[in-house]
């Protein structure tokens, strides 16, 4: 169960992040999760949104550089060691996690972790064998 993540390449200058947020907000696109990594010259804004197609359309029309990436979202017990329980089977099978970010659901005792793997299919198989069910994209887009 893959989730589509938007990656927006931003110049590292004042107002660029606000511009993306404003464009999406004005288009009625709700940001469900995000991560921002930067260097001295540029940043990569990674987003999970409720309407992927609309977000891509709006951002590209505004001249933003946008790409789509398949990621996996899983629920993790929101307690010490919860993340380790998800990562250990992946480590045992030598599945590489390129990056991850997380958020806590409002009315739950679980957190949601979004993971990017170098081999998504292998990761999905390892998670399945470990009894870990990734969240359906439709659920993630509406959290």
C-alpha atoms as a PDB file:
ATOM      1  CA  UNK A   1       0.000   0.000   0.000  1.00  0.00           C
ATOM      2  CA  UNK A   2       1.842   2.989  -1.290  1.00  0.00           C
ATOM      3  CA  UNK A   3       1.139   6.634  -0.587  1.00  0.00           C
ATOM      4  CA  UNK A   4       2.070   9.380  -3.027  1.00  0.00           C
ATOM      5  CA  UNK A   5       4.268  12.085  -1.570  1.00  0.00           C
ATOM      6  CA  UNK A   6       4.922  15.406  -3.273  1.00  0.00           C
ATOM      7  CA  UNK A   7       8.478  16.698  -3.258  1.00  0.00           C
ATOM      8  CA  UNK A   8       8.781  20.412  -3.985  1.00  0.00           C
ATOM      9  CA  UNK A   9      12.211  21.881  -4.654  1.00  0.00           C
ATOM     10  CA  UNK A  10      12.525  25.323  -3.116  1.00  0.00           C
ATOM     11  CA  UNK A  11      15.197  27.963  -3.273  1.00  0.00           C
ATOM     12  CA  UNK A  12      16.416  28.637   0.233  1.00  0.00           C
ATOM     13  CA  UNK A  13      15.105  32.183   0.477  1.00  0.00           C
ATOM     14  CA  UNK A  14      12.457  34.016   2.435  1.00  0.00           C
ATOM     15  CA  UNK A  15       8.852  33.444   1.449  1.00  0.00           C
ATOM     16  CA  UNK A  16       9.201  30.304  -0.672  1.00  0.00           C
ATOM     17  CA  UNK A  17       7.635  27.983   1.911  1.00  0.00           C
ATOM     18  CA  UNK A  18       4.828  30.461   2.606  1.00  0.00           C
ATOM     19  CA  UNK A  19       4.142  30.669  -1.141  1.00  0.00           C
ATOM     20  CA  UNK A  20       3.627  26.902  -1.400  1.00  0.00           C
ATOM     21  CA  UNK A  21       1.394  26.868   1.675  1.00  0.00           C
ATOM     22  CA  UNK A  22      -0.655  29.766   0.285  1.00  0.00           C
ATOM     23  CA  UNK A  23      -1.023  28.174  -3.173  1.00  0.00           C
ATOM     24  CA  UNK A  24      -2.235  24.904  -1.675  1.00  0.00           C
ATOM     25  CA  UNK A  25      -4.533  26.603   0.813  1.00  0.00           C
ATOM     26  CA  UNK A  26      -6.112  28.818  -1.839  1.00  0.00           C
ATOM     27  CA  UNK A  27      -6.734  25.679  -3.950  1.00  0.00           C
ATOM     28  CA  UNK A  28      -8.447  23.906  -1.052  1.00  0.00           C
ATOM     29  CA  UNK A  29      -5.635  21.356  -0.675  1.00  0.00           C
ATOM     30  CA  UNK A  30      -5.056  20.292   2.920  1.00  0.00           C
ATOM     31  CA  UNK A  31      -1.543  19.354   4.047  1.00  0.00           C
ATOM     32  CA  UNK A  32      -1.686  16.176   6.138  1.00  0.00           C
ATOM     33  CA  UNK A  33       2.052  15.824   6.874  1.00  0.00           C
ATOM     34  CA  UNK A  34       5.250  17.545   5.836  1.00  0.00           C
ATOM     35  CA  UNK A  35       8.985  17.526   6.168  1.00  0.00           C
ATOM     36  CA  UNK A  36      11.479  20.164   5.094  1.00  0.00           C
ATOM     37  CA  UNK A  37      15.168  19.460   4.563  1.00  0.00           C
ATOM     38  CA  UNK A  38      17.492  22.165   3.385  1.00  0.00           C
ATOM     39  CA  UNK A  39      20.990  23.044   2.307  1.00  0.00           C
ATOM     40  CA  UNK A  40      22.510  26.490   1.930  1.00  0.00           C
ATOM     41  CA  UNK A  41      20.971  26.958  -1.525  1.00  0.00           C
ATOM     42  CA  UNK A  42      17.773  24.893  -1.715  1.00  0.00           C
ATOM     43  CA  UNK A  43      15.311  22.819   0.250  1.00  0.00           C
ATOM     44  CA  UNK A  44      13.143  19.818  -0.409  1.00  0.00           C
ATOM     45  CA  UNK A  45       9.642  20.116   0.965  1.00  0.00           C
ATOM     46  CA  UNK A  46       7.994  16.715   1.258  1.00  0.00           C
ATOM     47  CA  UNK A  47       4.223  16.726   1.579  1.00  0.00           C
ATOM     48  CA  UNK A  48       1.344  14.334   2.051  1.00  0.00           C
ATOM     49  CA  UNK A  49      -1.839  16.102   0.966  1.00  0.00           C
ATOM     50  CA  UNK A  50      -5.510  15.236   0.694  1.00  0.00           C
ATOM     51  CA  UNK A  51      -5.673  15.841  -3.085  1.00  0.00           C
ATOM     52  CA  UNK A  52      -2.459  14.864  -4.855  1.00  0.00           C
ATOM     53  CA  UNK A  53      -3.582  15.629  -8.411  1.00  0.00           C
ATOM     54  CA  UNK A  54      -4.905  19.080  -7.527  1.00  0.00           C
ATOM     55  CA  UNK A  55      -1.764  19.943  -5.557  1.00  0.00           C
ATOM     56  CA  UNK A  56       0.535  18.951  -8.421  1.00  0.00           C
ATOM     57  CA  UNK A  57      -1.557  20.912 -10.910  1.00  0.00           C
ATOM     58  CA  UNK A  58      -1.620  24.081  -8.790  1.00  0.00           C
ATOM     59  CA  UNK A  59       2.072  23.993  -7.911  1.00  0.00           C
ATOM     60  CA  UNK A  60       3.268  23.280 -11.444  1.00  0.00           C
ATOM     61  CA  UNK A  61       1.020  25.999 -12.854  1.00  0.00           C
ATOM     62  CA  UNK A  62       2.714  28.394 -10.416  1.00  0.00           C
ATOM     63  CA  UNK A  63       6.143  27.365 -11.712  1.00  0.00           C
ATOM     64  CA  UNK A  64       7.129  25.110  -8.829  1.00  0.00           C
ATOM     65  CA  UNK A  65       9.271  22.032  -9.471  1.00  0.00           C
ATOM     66  CA  UNK A  66       7.269  19.075  -8.152  1.00  0.00           C
ATOM     67  CA  UNK A  67       7.878  15.344  -8.265  1.00  0.00           C
ATOM     68  CA  UNK A  68       5.928  12.390  -6.903  1.00  0.00           C
ATOM     69  CA  UNK A  69       7.467   9.648  -4.804  1.00  0.00           C
ATOM     70  CA  UNK A  70       5.971   6.440  -3.463  1.00  0.00           C
ATOM     71  CA  UNK A  71       6.253   6.163   0.300  1.00  0.00           C
ATOM     72  CA  UNK A  72       4.750   3.843   2.903  1.00  0.00           C
ATOM     73  CA  UNK A  73       2.813   4.950   5.983  1.00  0.00           C
ATOM     74  CA  UNK A  74       2.428   2.742   9.020  1.00  0.00           C
ATOM     75  CA  UNK A  75       0.882   3.202  12.406  1.00  0.00           C
ATOM     76  CA  UNK A  76       3.283   2.938  15.296  1.00  0.00           C
ATOM     77  CA  UNK A  77       2.398   2.603  18.970  1.00  0.00           C
ATOM     78  CA  UNK A  78       2.877   6.064  20.499  1.00  0.00           C
ATOM     79  CA  UNK A  79       5.123   4.875  23.310  1.00  0.00           C
ATOM     80  CA  UNK A  80       8.820   4.294  23.925  1.00  0.00           C
ATOM     81  CA  UNK A  81      10.103   1.569  21.590  1.00  0.00           C
ATOM     82  CA  UNK A  82       7.159   1.795  19.187  1.00  0.00           C
ATOM     83  CA  UNK A  83       9.292   2.959  16.266  1.00  0.00           C
ATOM     84  CA  UNK A  84      11.926   0.298  16.958  1.00  0.00           C
ATOM     85  CA  UNK A  85       9.260  -2.411  16.573  1.00  0.00           C
ATOM     86  CA  UNK A  86       8.653  -1.246  13.003  1.00  0.00           C
ATOM     87  CA  UNK A  87      12.312  -0.731  12.084  1.00  0.00           C
ATOM     88  CA  UNK A  88      13.751  -3.973  13.489  1.00  0.00           C
ATOM     89  CA  UNK A  89      12.217  -6.361  10.908  1.00  0.00           C
ATOM     90  CA  UNK A  90      13.412  -4.036   8.145  1.00  0.00           C
ATOM     91  CA  UNK A  91      16.935  -4.038   9.599  1.00  0.00           C
ATOM     92  CA  UNK A  92      16.940  -7.826   9.917  1.00  0.00           C
ATOM     93  CA  UNK A  93      16.123  -8.154   6.210  1.00  0.00           C
ATOM     94  CA  UNK A  94      18.576  -5.366   5.290  1.00  0.00           C
ATOM     95  CA  UNK A  95      15.905  -3.091   3.821  1.00  0.00           C
ATOM     96  CA  UNK A  96      17.251   0.461   3.726  1.00  0.00           C
ATOM     97  CA  UNK A  97      15.160   3.362   5.004  1.00  0.00           C
ATOM     98  CA  UNK A  98      16.213   6.453   3.045  1.00  0.00           C
ATOM     99  CA  UNK A  99      14.290   8.838   5.297  1.00  0.00           C
ATOM    100  CA  UNK A 100      11.192   9.063   7.454  1.00  0.00           C
ATOM    101  CA  UNK A 101       9.024  11.581   9.222  1.00  0.00           C
ATOM    102  CA  UNK A 102       6.153  11.159  11.637  1.00  0.00           C
ATOM    103  CA  UNK A 103       3.071  12.764  13.088  1.00  0.00           C
ATOM    104  CA  UNK A 104       0.677  11.894  15.892  1.00  0.00           C
ATOM    105  CA  UNK A 105      -2.998  11.328  15.161  1.00  0.00           C
ATOM    106  CA  UNK A 106      -5.305  13.643  17.070  1.00  0.00           C
ATOM    107  CA  UNK A 107      -7.572  11.057  18.676  1.00  0.00           C
ATOM    108  CA  UNK A 108      -5.373   8.003  18.898  1.00  0.00           C
ATOM    109  CA  UNK A 109      -2.673   6.335  20.924  1.00  0.00           C
ATOM    110  CA  UNK A 110      -0.712   5.758  17.731  1.00  0.00           C
ATOM    111  CA  UNK A 111       1.624   7.806  15.611  1.00  0.00           C
ATOM    112  CA  UNK A 112       1.913   7.594  11.843  1.00  0.00           C
ATOM    113  CA  UNK A 113       5.364   7.191  10.318  1.00  0.00           C
ATOM    114  CA  UNK A 114       5.956   7.924   6.640  1.00  0.00           C
ATOM    115  CA  UNK A 115       8.921   5.968   5.273  1.00  0.00           C
ATOM    116  CA  UNK A 116      10.839   6.167   2.006  1.00  0.00           C
ATOM    117  CA  UNK A 117      12.689   3.004   1.017  1.00  0.00           C
ATOM    118  CA  UNK A 118      15.235   2.317  -1.695  1.00  0.00           C
ATOM    119  CA  UNK A 119      13.133  -0.792  -2.532  1.00  0.00           C
ATOM    120  CA  UNK A 120       9.467  -0.188  -1.722  1.00  0.00           C
ATOM    121  CA  UNK A 121       8.291  -3.661  -2.799  1.00  0.00           C
ATOM    122  CA  UNK A 122      10.864  -5.410  -0.596  1.00  0.00           C
ATOM    123  CA  UNK A 123       9.888  -3.196   2.327  1.00  0.00           C
ATOM    124  CA  UNK A 124       6.195  -3.956   1.863  1.00  0.00           C
ATOM    125  CA  UNK A 125       6.935  -7.683   1.845  1.00  0.00           C
ATOM    126  CA  UNK A 126       9.049  -7.484   5.025  1.00  0.00           C
ATOM    127  CA  UNK A 127       6.366  -5.441   6.783  1.00  0.00           C
ATOM    128  CA  UNK A 128       3.704  -7.954   5.737  1.00  0.00           C
ATOM    129  CA  UNK A 129       5.795 -10.894   7.023  1.00  0.00           C
ATOM    130  CA  UNK A 130       6.231  -9.042  10.330  1.00  0.00           C
ATOM    131  CA  UNK A 131       2.471  -8.563  10.652  1.00  0.00           C
ATOM    132  CA  UNK A 132       2.685  -4.814  10.071  1.00  0.00           C
ATOM    133  CA  UNK A 133      -0.033  -3.497   7.782  1.00  0.00           C
ATOM    134  CA  UNK A 134       0.737  -0.245   5.966  1.00  0.00           C
ATOM    135  CA  UNK A 135      -2.065   2.296   5.910  1.00  0.00           C
ATOM    136  CA  UNK A 136      -4.104   2.653   2.753  1.00  0.00           C
ATOM    137  CA  UNK A 137      -3.364   5.840   0.834  1.00  0.00           C
ATOM    138  CA  UNK A 138      -6.990   6.963   1.145  1.00  0.00           C
ATOM    139  CA  UNK A 139      -6.759   6.815   4.940  1.00  0.00           C
ATOM    140  CA  UNK A 140      -3.500   8.747   5.067  1.00  0.00           C
ATOM    141  CA  UNK A 141      -4.852  11.490   2.805  1.00  0.00           C
ATOM    142  CA  UNK A 142      -7.756  12.031   5.232  1.00  0.00           C
ATOM    143  CA  UNK A 143      -5.977  11.840   8.611  1.00  0.00           C
END
